[in-house]
Amino acid sequence: MTLPSASPALPTDLRPDPSATTPLHPHDAHPTGKRLALLSLTALGVVYGDIGTSPLYALKECFTGVHGFPLTPANIEGILSLIV
């Protein structure tokens, strides 16, 4: 019994040209100007968006679930001091 291959072979007209030296999209090589600004802003949004939401998830997990702390002023202050 033979197993099917992981990926079927591409038709000849869809295979990348191994002799091509230019990138598929000329803008991808060295972005400048507005494209660089957009890519930079997107990267900052991903990084700071993750940093901004992670403490919210951590706070939620501290007080919910089987091993969550009781919701008391002392526990809230303690968890917030760890996050900040």
PDB file of N, CA and C in Angstrom:
ATOM      1  N   MET A   1       0.845  -1.174   0.000  1.00  0.00           N
ATOM      2  CA  MET A   1       0.000   0.000   0.000  1.00  0.00           C
ATOM      3  C   MET A   1       0.892   1.240   0.000  1.00  0.00           C
ATOM      4  N   THR A   2       0.568   2.206  -0.830  1.00  0.00           N
ATOM      5  CA  THR A   2       1.339   3.439  -0.887  1.00  0.00           C
ATOM      6  C   THR A   2       0.513   4.579  -0.319  1.00  0.00           C
ATOM      7  N   LEU A   3       1.199   5.484   0.364  1.00  0.00           N
ATOM      8  CA  LEU A   3       0.531   6.643   0.935  1.00  0.00           C
ATOM      9  C   LEU A   3       0.550   7.777  -0.078  1.00  0.00           C
ATOM     10  N   PRO A   4      -0.500   8.610  -0.084  1.00  0.00           N
ATOM     11  CA  PRO A   4      -0.499   9.751  -1.008  1.00  0.00           C
ATOM     12  C   PRO A   4       0.585  10.751  -0.584  1.00  0.00           C
ATOM     13  N   SER A   5       1.123  11.446  -1.552  1.00  0.00           N
ATOM     14  CA  SER A   5       2.159  12.429  -1.245  1.00  0.00           C
ATOM     15  C   SER A   5       1.554  13.593  -0.476  1.00  0.00           C
ATOM     16  N   ALA A   6       2.396  14.276   0.280  1.00  0.00           N
ATOM     17  CA  ALA A   6       1.931  15.379   1.122  1.00  0.00           C
ATOM     18  C   ALA A   6       1.388  16.534   0.284  1.00  0.00           C
ATOM     19  N   SER A   7       2.033  16.829  -0.813  1.00  0.00           N
ATOM     20  CA  SER A   7       1.545  17.902  -1.666  1.00  0.00           C
ATOM     21  C   SER A   7       1.657  17.457  -3.127  1.00  0.00           C
ATOM     22  N   PRO A   8       0.583  17.621  -3.862  1.00  0.00           N
ATOM     23  CA  PRO A   8       0.625  17.210  -5.262  1.00  0.00           C
ATOM     24  C   PRO A   8       1.545  18.133  -6.055  1.00  0.00           C
ATOM     25  N   ALA A   9       2.097  17.617  -7.123  1.00  0.00           N
ATOM     26  CA  ALA A   9       2.994  18.413  -7.965  1.00  0.00           C
ATOM     27  C   ALA A   9       2.210  19.518  -8.656  1.00  0.00           C
ATOM     28  N   LEU A  10       2.826  20.678  -8.749  1.00  0.00           N
ATOM     29  CA  LEU A  10       2.188  21.805  -9.430  1.00  0.00           C
ATOM     30  C   LEU A  10       2.319  21.637 -10.933  1.00  0.00           C
ATOM     31  N   PRO A  11       1.303  22.092 -11.676  1.00  0.00           N
ATOM     32  CA  PRO A  11       1.452  22.102 -13.126  1.00  0.00           C
ATOM     33  C   PRO A  11       2.631  22.994 -13.510  1.00  0.00           C
ATOM     34  N   THR A  12       3.222  22.726 -14.641  1.00  0.00           N
ATOM     35  CA  THR A  12       4.418  23.435 -15.080  1.00  0.00           C
ATOM     36  C   THR A  12       4.211  24.941 -15.136  1.00  0.00           C
ATOM     37  N   ASP A  13       3.043  25.399 -15.557  1.00  0.00           N
ATOM     38  CA  ASP A  13       2.825  26.848 -15.689  1.00  0.00           C
ATOM     39  C   ASP A  13       2.665  27.545 -14.334  1.00  0.00           C
ATOM     40  N   LEU A  14       2.492  26.805 -13.221  1.00  0.00           N
ATOM     41  CA  LEU A  14       2.339  27.418 -11.913  1.00  0.00           C
ATOM     42  C   LEU A  14       3.603  27.324 -11.059  1.00  0.00           C
ATOM     43  N   ARG A  15       4.615  26.644 -11.519  1.00  0.00           N
ATOM     44  CA  ARG A  15       5.849  26.508 -10.761  1.00  0.00           C
ATOM     45  C   ARG A  15       6.657  27.793 -10.837  1.00  0.00           C
ATOM     46  N   PRO A  16       7.321  28.173  -9.713  1.00  0.00           N
ATOM     47  CA  PRO A  16       8.157  29.373  -9.776  1.00  0.00           C
ATOM     48  C   PRO A  16       9.356  29.147 -10.685  1.00  0.00           C
ATOM     49  N   ASP A  17       9.774  30.209 -11.327  1.00  0.00           N
ATOM     50  CA  ASP A  17      10.919  30.137 -12.228  1.00  0.00           C
ATOM     51  C   ASP A  17      12.196  30.182 -11.397  1.00  0.00           C
ATOM     52  N   PRO A  18      13.005  29.117 -11.360  1.00  0.00           N
ATOM     53  CA  PRO A  18      14.211  29.116 -10.532  1.00  0.00           C
ATOM     54  C   PRO A  18      15.263  30.104 -11.014  1.00  0.00           C
ATOM     55  N   SER A  19      15.195  30.540 -12.262  1.00  0.00           N
ATOM     56  CA  SER A  19      16.188  31.483 -12.761  1.00  0.00           C
ATOM     57  C   SER A  19      15.793  32.936 -12.499  1.00  0.00           C
ATOM     58  N   ALA A  20      14.603  33.172 -11.957  1.00  0.00           N
ATOM     59  CA  ALA A  20      14.155  34.541 -11.703  1.00  0.00           C
ATOM     60  C   ALA A  20      14.960  35.143 -10.555  1.00  0.00           C
ATOM     61  N   THR A  21      15.465  36.348 -10.748  1.00  0.00           N
ATOM     62  CA  THR A  21      16.259  37.008  -9.716  1.00  0.00           C
ATOM     63  C   THR A  21      15.502  38.140  -9.053  1.00  0.00           C
ATOM     64  N   THR A  22      14.373  38.555  -9.609  1.00  0.00           N
ATOM     65  CA  THR A  22      13.596  39.634  -9.012  1.00  0.00           C
ATOM     66  C   THR A  22      12.547  39.043  -8.093  1.00  0.00           C
ATOM     67  N   PRO A  23      12.217  39.748  -6.991  1.00  0.00           N
ATOM     68  CA  PRO A  23      11.168  39.244  -6.101  1.00  0.00           C
ATOM     69  C   PRO A  23       9.819  39.242  -6.822  1.00  0.00           C
ATOM     70  N   LEU A  24       8.890  38.465  -6.289  1.00  0.00           N
ATOM     71  CA  LEU A  24       7.566  38.406  -6.900  1.00  0.00           C
ATOM     72  C   LEU A  24       6.896  39.774  -6.902  1.00  0.00           C
ATOM     73  N   HIS A  25       7.100  40.542  -5.843  1.00  0.00           N
ATOM     74  CA  HIS A  25       6.549  41.890  -5.755  1.00  0.00           C
ATOM     75  C   HIS A  25       7.711  42.842  -5.528  1.00  0.00           C
ATOM     76  N   PRO A  26       7.963  43.776  -6.428  1.00  0.00           N
ATOM     77  CA  PRO A  26       9.125  44.652  -6.283  1.00  0.00           C
ATOM     78  C   PRO A  26       9.101  45.477  -5.004  1.00  0.00           C
ATOM     79  N   HIS A  27       7.925  45.726  -4.432  1.00  0.00           N
ATOM     80  CA  HIS A  27       7.828  46.538  -3.216  1.00  0.00           C
ATOM     81  C   HIS A  27       8.356  45.806  -1.995  1.00  0.00           C
ATOM     82  N   ASP A  28       8.441  44.479  -2.039  1.00  0.00           N
ATOM     83  CA  ASP A  28       8.819  43.710  -0.873  1.00  0.00           C
ATOM     84  C   ASP A  28      10.313  43.746  -0.574  1.00  0.00           C
ATOM     85  N   ALA A  29      11.142  44.066  -1.536  1.00  0.00           N
ATOM     86  CA  ALA A  29      12.588  44.007  -1.332  1.00  0.00           C
ATOM     87  C   ALA A  29      13.047  45.035  -0.301  1.00  0.00           C
ATOM     88  N   HIS A  30      12.801  46.315  -0.527  1.00  0.00           N
ATOM     89  CA  HIS A  30      13.232  47.383   0.372  1.00  0.00           C
ATOM     90  C   HIS A  30      12.139  48.442   0.419  1.00  0.00           C
ATOM     91  N   PRO A  31      11.168  48.300   1.320  1.00  0.00           N
ATOM     92  CA  PRO A  31      10.084  49.282   1.364  1.00  0.00           C
ATOM     93  C   PRO A  31      10.602  50.649   1.810  1.00  0.00           C
ATOM     94  N   THR A  32      10.051  51.689   1.214  1.00  0.00           N
ATOM     95  CA  THR A  32      10.411  53.057   1.571  1.00  0.00           C
ATOM     96  C   THR A  32       9.144  53.895   1.583  1.00  0.00           C
ATOM     97  N   GLY A  33       9.251  55.072   2.123  1.00  0.00           N
ATOM     98  CA  GLY A  33       8.147  56.026   2.089  1.00  0.00           C
ATOM     99  C   GLY A  33       6.906  55.557   2.816  1.00  0.00           C
ATOM    100  N   LYS A  34       5.780  55.728   2.149  1.00  0.00           N
ATOM    101  CA  LYS A  34       4.495  55.388   2.765  1.00  0.00           C
ATOM    102  C   LYS A  34       4.389  53.906   3.094  1.00  0.00           C
ATOM    103  N   ARG A  35       4.957  53.060   2.251  1.00  0.00           N
ATOM    104  CA  ARG A  35       4.890  51.618   2.498  1.00  0.00           C
ATOM    105  C   ARG A  35       5.670  51.244   3.758  1.00  0.00           C
ATOM    106  N   LEU A  36       6.829  51.836   3.951  1.00  0.00           N
ATOM    107  CA  LEU A  36       7.626  51.589   5.147  1.00  0.00           C
ATOM    108  C   LEU A  36       6.892  52.095   6.385  1.00  0.00           C
ATOM    109  N   ALA A  37       6.269  53.253   6.281  1.00  0.00           N
ATOM    110  CA  ALA A  37       5.514  53.809   7.403  1.00  0.00           C
ATOM    111  C   ALA A  37       4.345  52.898   7.764  1.00  0.00           C
ATOM    112  N   LEU A  38       3.645  52.400   6.767  1.00  0.00           N
ATOM    113  CA  LEU A  38       2.516  51.507   7.017  1.00  0.00           C
ATOM    114  C   LEU A  38       2.976  50.198   7.657  1.00  0.00           C
ATOM    115  N   LEU A  39       4.064  49.623   7.141  1.00  0.00           N
ATOM    116  CA  LEU A  39       4.586  48.390   7.723  1.00  0.00           C
ATOM    117  C   LEU A  39       5.066  48.605   9.157  1.00  0.00           C
ATOM    118  N   SER A  40       5.701  49.743   9.424  1.00  0.00           N
ATOM    119  CA  SER A  40       6.179  50.048  10.775  1.00  0.00           C
ATOM    120  C   SER A  40       5.013  50.230  11.737  1.00  0.00           C
ATOM    121  N   LEU A  41       3.995  50.950  11.309  1.00  0.00           N
ATOM    122  CA  LEU A  41       2.822  51.158  12.153  1.00  0.00           C
ATOM    123  C   LEU A  41       2.104  49.842  12.437  1.00  0.00           C
ATOM    124  N   THR A  42       2.021  48.987  11.448  1.00  0.00           N
ATOM    125  CA  THR A  42       1.397  47.679  11.635  1.00  0.00           C
ATOM    126  C   THR A  42       2.184  46.845  12.640  1.00  0.00           C
ATOM    127  N   ALA A  43       3.506  46.848  12.527  1.00  0.00           N
ATOM    128  CA  ALA A  43       4.337  46.085  13.461  1.00  0.00           C
ATOM    129  C   ALA A  43       4.181  46.616  14.877  1.00  0.00           C
ATOM    130  N   LEU A  44       4.163  47.935  15.041  1.00  0.00           N
ATOM    131  CA  LEU A  44       3.971  48.510  16.371  1.00  0.00           C
ATOM    132  C   LEU A  44       2.601  48.151  16.932  1.00  0.00           C
ATOM    133  N   GLY A  45       1.590  48.139  16.081  1.00  0.00           N
ATOM    134  CA  GLY A  45       0.250  47.769  16.529  1.00  0.00           C
ATOM    135  C   GLY A  45       0.188  46.342  17.020  1.00  0.00           C
ATOM    136  N   VAL A  46       0.873  45.452  16.344  1.00  0.00           N
ATOM    137  CA  VAL A  46       0.887  44.049  16.758  1.00  0.00           C
ATOM    138  C   VAL A  46       1.592  43.910  18.103  1.00  0.00           C
ATOM    139  N   VAL A  47       2.755  44.532  18.237  1.00  0.00           N
ATOM    140  CA  VAL A  47       3.534  44.408  19.474  1.00  0.00           C
ATOM    141  C   VAL A  47       2.797  45.034  20.650  1.00  0.00           C
ATOM    142  N   TYR A  48       2.388  46.297  20.514  1.00  0.00           N
ATOM    143  CA  TYR A  48       1.750  46.974  21.633  1.00  0.00           C
ATOM    144  C   TYR A  48       0.324  46.495  21.859  1.00  0.00           C
ATOM    145  N   GLY A  49      -0.332  45.999  20.846  1.00  0.00           N
ATOM    146  CA  GLY A  49      -1.655  45.409  21.044  1.00  0.00           C
ATOM    147  C   GLY A  49      -1.558  44.160  21.898  1.00  0.00           C
ATOM    148  N   ASP A  50      -0.537  43.357  21.653  1.00  0.00           N
ATOM    149  CA  ASP A  50      -0.339  42.145  22.442  1.00  0.00           C
ATOM    150  C   ASP A  50       0.045  42.492  23.872  1.00  0.00           C
ATOM    151  N   ILE A  51       0.930  43.467  24.042  1.00  0.00           N
ATOM    152  CA  ILE A  51       1.340  43.883  25.383  1.00  0.00           C
ATOM    153  C   ILE A  51       0.150  44.476  26.136  1.00  0.00           C
ATOM    154  N   GLY A  52      -0.710  45.172  25.428  1.00  0.00           N
ATOM    155  CA  GLY A  52      -1.859  45.801  26.072  1.00  0.00           C
ATOM    156  C   GLY A  52      -2.926  44.826  26.506  1.00  0.00           C
ATOM    157  N   THR A  53      -3.122  43.748  25.779  1.00  0.00           N
ATOM    158  CA  THR A  53      -4.184  42.810  26.132  1.00  0.00           C
ATOM    159  C   THR A  53      -3.708  41.682  27.030  1.00  0.00           C
ATOM    160  N   SER A  54      -2.429  41.372  27.026  1.00  0.00           N
ATOM    161  CA  SER A  54      -1.930  40.273  27.852  1.00  0.00           C
ATOM    162  C   SER A  54      -2.215  40.470  29.339  1.00  0.00           C
ATOM    163  N   PRO A  55      -2.006  41.680  29.906  1.00  0.00           N
ATOM    164  CA  PRO A  55      -2.346  41.847  31.323  1.00  0.00           C
ATOM    165  C   PRO A  55      -3.829  41.634  31.617  1.00  0.00           C
ATOM    166  N   LEU A  56      -4.684  41.966  30.663  1.00  0.00           N
ATOM    167  CA  LEU A  56      -6.117  41.735  30.881  1.00  0.00           C
ATOM    168  C   LEU A  56      -6.427  40.251  30.977  1.00  0.00           C
ATOM    169  N   TYR A  57      -5.824  39.449  30.097  1.00  0.00           N
ATOM    170  CA  TYR A  57      -6.023  38.007  30.158  1.00  0.00           C
ATOM    171  C   TYR A  57      -5.412  37.435  31.428  1.00  0.00           C
ATOM    172  N   ALA A  58      -4.245  37.924  31.821  1.00  0.00           N
ATOM    173  CA  ALA A  58      -3.601  37.437  33.040  1.00  0.00           C
ATOM    174  C   ALA A  58      -4.452  37.757  34.256  1.00  0.00           C
ATOM    175  N   LEU A  59      -4.997  38.958  34.300  1.00  0.00           N
ATOM    176  CA  LEU A  59      -5.862  39.350  35.417  1.00  0.00           C
ATOM    177  C   LEU A  59      -7.101  38.469  35.490  1.00  0.00           C
ATOM    178  N   LYS A  60      -7.706  38.203  34.354  1.00  0.00           N
ATOM    179  CA  LYS A  60      -8.890  37.341  34.303  1.00  0.00           C
ATOM    180  C   LYS A  60      -8.554  35.943  34.816  1.00  0.00           C
ATOM    181  N   GLU A  61      -7.436  35.397  34.382  1.00  0.00           N
ATOM    182  CA  GLU A  61      -7.058  34.040  34.775  1.00  0.00           C
ATOM    183  C   GLU A  61      -6.722  33.938  36.255  1.00  0.00           C
ATOM    184  N   CYS A  62      -6.263  35.018  36.857  1.00  0.00           N
ATOM    185  CA  CYS A  62      -5.928  34.980  38.290  1.00  0.00           C
ATOM    186  C   CYS A  62      -7.164  34.795  39.162  1.00  0.00           C
ATOM    187  N   PHE A  63      -8.308  35.287  38.709  1.00  0.00           N
ATOM    188  CA  PHE A  63      -9.512  35.258  39.543  1.00  0.00           C
ATOM    189  C   PHE A  63     -10.576  34.278  39.061  1.00  0.00           C
ATOM    190  N   THR A  64     -10.347  33.546  37.977  1.00  0.00           N
ATOM    191  CA  THR A  64     -11.337  32.581  37.486  1.00  0.00           C
ATOM    192  C   THR A  64     -10.731  31.193  37.454  1.00  0.00           C
ATOM    193  N   GLY A  65     -11.572  30.220  37.226  1.00  0.00           N
ATOM    194  CA  GLY A  65     -11.094  28.851  37.105  1.00  0.00           C
ATOM    195  C   GLY A  65     -11.005  28.148  38.448  1.00  0.00           C
ATOM    196  N   VAL A  66     -10.511  26.949  38.409  1.00  0.00           N
ATOM    197  CA  VAL A  66     -10.441  26.090  39.596  1.00  0.00           C
ATOM    198  C   VAL A  66      -9.475  26.655  40.638  1.00  0.00           C
ATOM    199  N   HIS A  67      -8.362  27.213  40.182  1.00  0.00           N
ATOM    200  CA  HIS A  67      -7.330  27.684  41.106  1.00  0.00           C
ATOM    201  C   HIS A  67      -7.312  29.206  41.251  1.00  0.00           C
ATOM    202  N   GLY A  68      -8.426  29.862  40.939  1.00  0.00           N
ATOM    203  CA  GLY A  68      -8.467  31.322  41.010  1.00  0.00           C
ATOM    204  C   GLY A  68      -8.474  31.830  42.450  1.00  0.00           C
ATOM    205  N   PHE A  69      -7.914  33.007  42.649  1.00  0.00           N
ATOM    206  CA  PHE A  69      -7.900  33.628  43.970  1.00  0.00           C
ATOM    207  C   PHE A  69      -9.280  34.201  44.276  1.00  0.00           C
ATOM    208  N   PRO A  70      -9.641  34.274  45.563  1.00  0.00           N
ATOM    209  CA  PRO A  70     -10.904  34.943  45.920  1.00  0.00           C
ATOM    210  C   PRO A  70     -10.818  36.430  45.565  1.00  0.00           C
ATOM    211  N   LEU A  71     -11.935  37.006  45.198  1.00  0.00           N
ATOM    212  CA  LEU A  71     -11.974  38.403  44.762  1.00  0.00           C
ATOM    213  C   LEU A  71     -12.073  39.304  45.996  1.00  0.00           C
ATOM    214  N   THR A  72     -10.927  39.616  46.576  1.00  0.00           N
ATOM    215  CA  THR A  72     -10.861  40.497  47.740  1.00  0.00           C
ATOM    216  C   THR A  72      -9.988  41.696  47.378  1.00  0.00           C
ATOM    217  N   PRO A  73     -10.173  42.804  48.094  1.00  0.00           N
ATOM    218  CA  PRO A  73      -9.343  43.987  47.796  1.00  0.00           C
ATOM    219  C   PRO A  73      -7.837  43.699  47.902  1.00  0.00           C
ATOM    220  N   ALA A  74      -7.429  42.906  48.873  1.00  0.00           N
ATOM    221  CA  ALA A  74      -6.003  42.595  49.030  1.00  0.00           C
ATOM    222  C   ALA A  74      -5.484  41.779  47.841  1.00  0.00           C
ATOM    223  N   ASN A  75      -6.262  40.792  47.384  1.00  0.00           N
ATOM    224  CA  ASN A  75      -5.838  39.988  46.228  1.00  0.00           C
ATOM    225  C   ASN A  75      -5.799  40.817  44.952  1.00  0.00           C
ATOM    226  N   ILE A  76      -6.775  41.689  44.765  1.00  0.00           N
ATOM    227  CA  ILE A  76      -6.803  42.551  43.575  1.00  0.00           C
ATOM    228  C   ILE A  76      -5.568  43.448  43.557  1.00  0.00           C
ATOM    229  N   GLU A  77      -5.257  44.059  44.706  1.00  0.00           N
ATOM    230  CA  GLU A  77      -4.088  44.933  44.791  1.00  0.00           C
ATOM    231  C   GLU A  77      -2.797  44.160  44.558  1.00  0.00           C
ATOM    232  N   GLY A  78      -2.713  42.961  45.109  1.00  0.00           N
ATOM    233  CA  GLY A  78      -1.522  42.142  44.932  1.00  0.00           C
ATOM    234  C   GLY A  78      -1.301  41.728  43.482  1.00  0.00           C
ATOM    235  N   ILE A  79      -2.362  41.276  42.810  1.00  0.00           N
ATOM    236  CA  ILE A  79      -2.242  40.864  41.406  1.00  0.00           C
ATOM    237  C   ILE A  79      -1.917  42.068  40.521  1.00  0.00           C
ATOM    238  N   LEU A  80      -2.575  43.203  40.764  1.00  0.00           N
ATOM    239  CA  LEU A  80      -2.288  44.407  39.968  1.00  0.00           C
ATOM    240  C   LEU A  80      -0.846  44.858  40.154  1.00  0.00           C
ATOM    241  N   SER A  81      -0.312  44.729  41.387  1.00  0.00           N
ATOM    242  CA  SER A  81       1.076  45.135  41.607  1.00  0.00           C
ATOM    243  C   SER A  81       2.032  44.216  40.860  1.00  0.00           C
ATOM    244  N   LEU A  82       1.688  42.944  40.720  1.00  0.00           N
ATOM    245  CA  LEU A  82       2.524  42.032  39.942  1.00  0.00           C
ATOM    246  C   LEU A  82       2.488  42.381  38.456  1.00  0.00           C
ATOM    247  N   ILE A  83       1.334  42.731  37.947  1.00  0.00           N
ATOM    248  CA  ILE A  83       1.190  43.032  36.516  1.00  0.00           C
ATOM    249  C   ILE A  83       1.869  44.356  36.173  1.00  0.00           C
ATOM    250  N   VAL A  84       1.680  45.359  37.049  1.00  0.00           N
ATOM    251  CA  VAL A  84       2.274  46.674  36.773  1.00  0.00           C
ATOM    252  C   VAL A  84       3.762  46.615  37.023  1.00  0.00           C
TER     253      VAL A  84
END
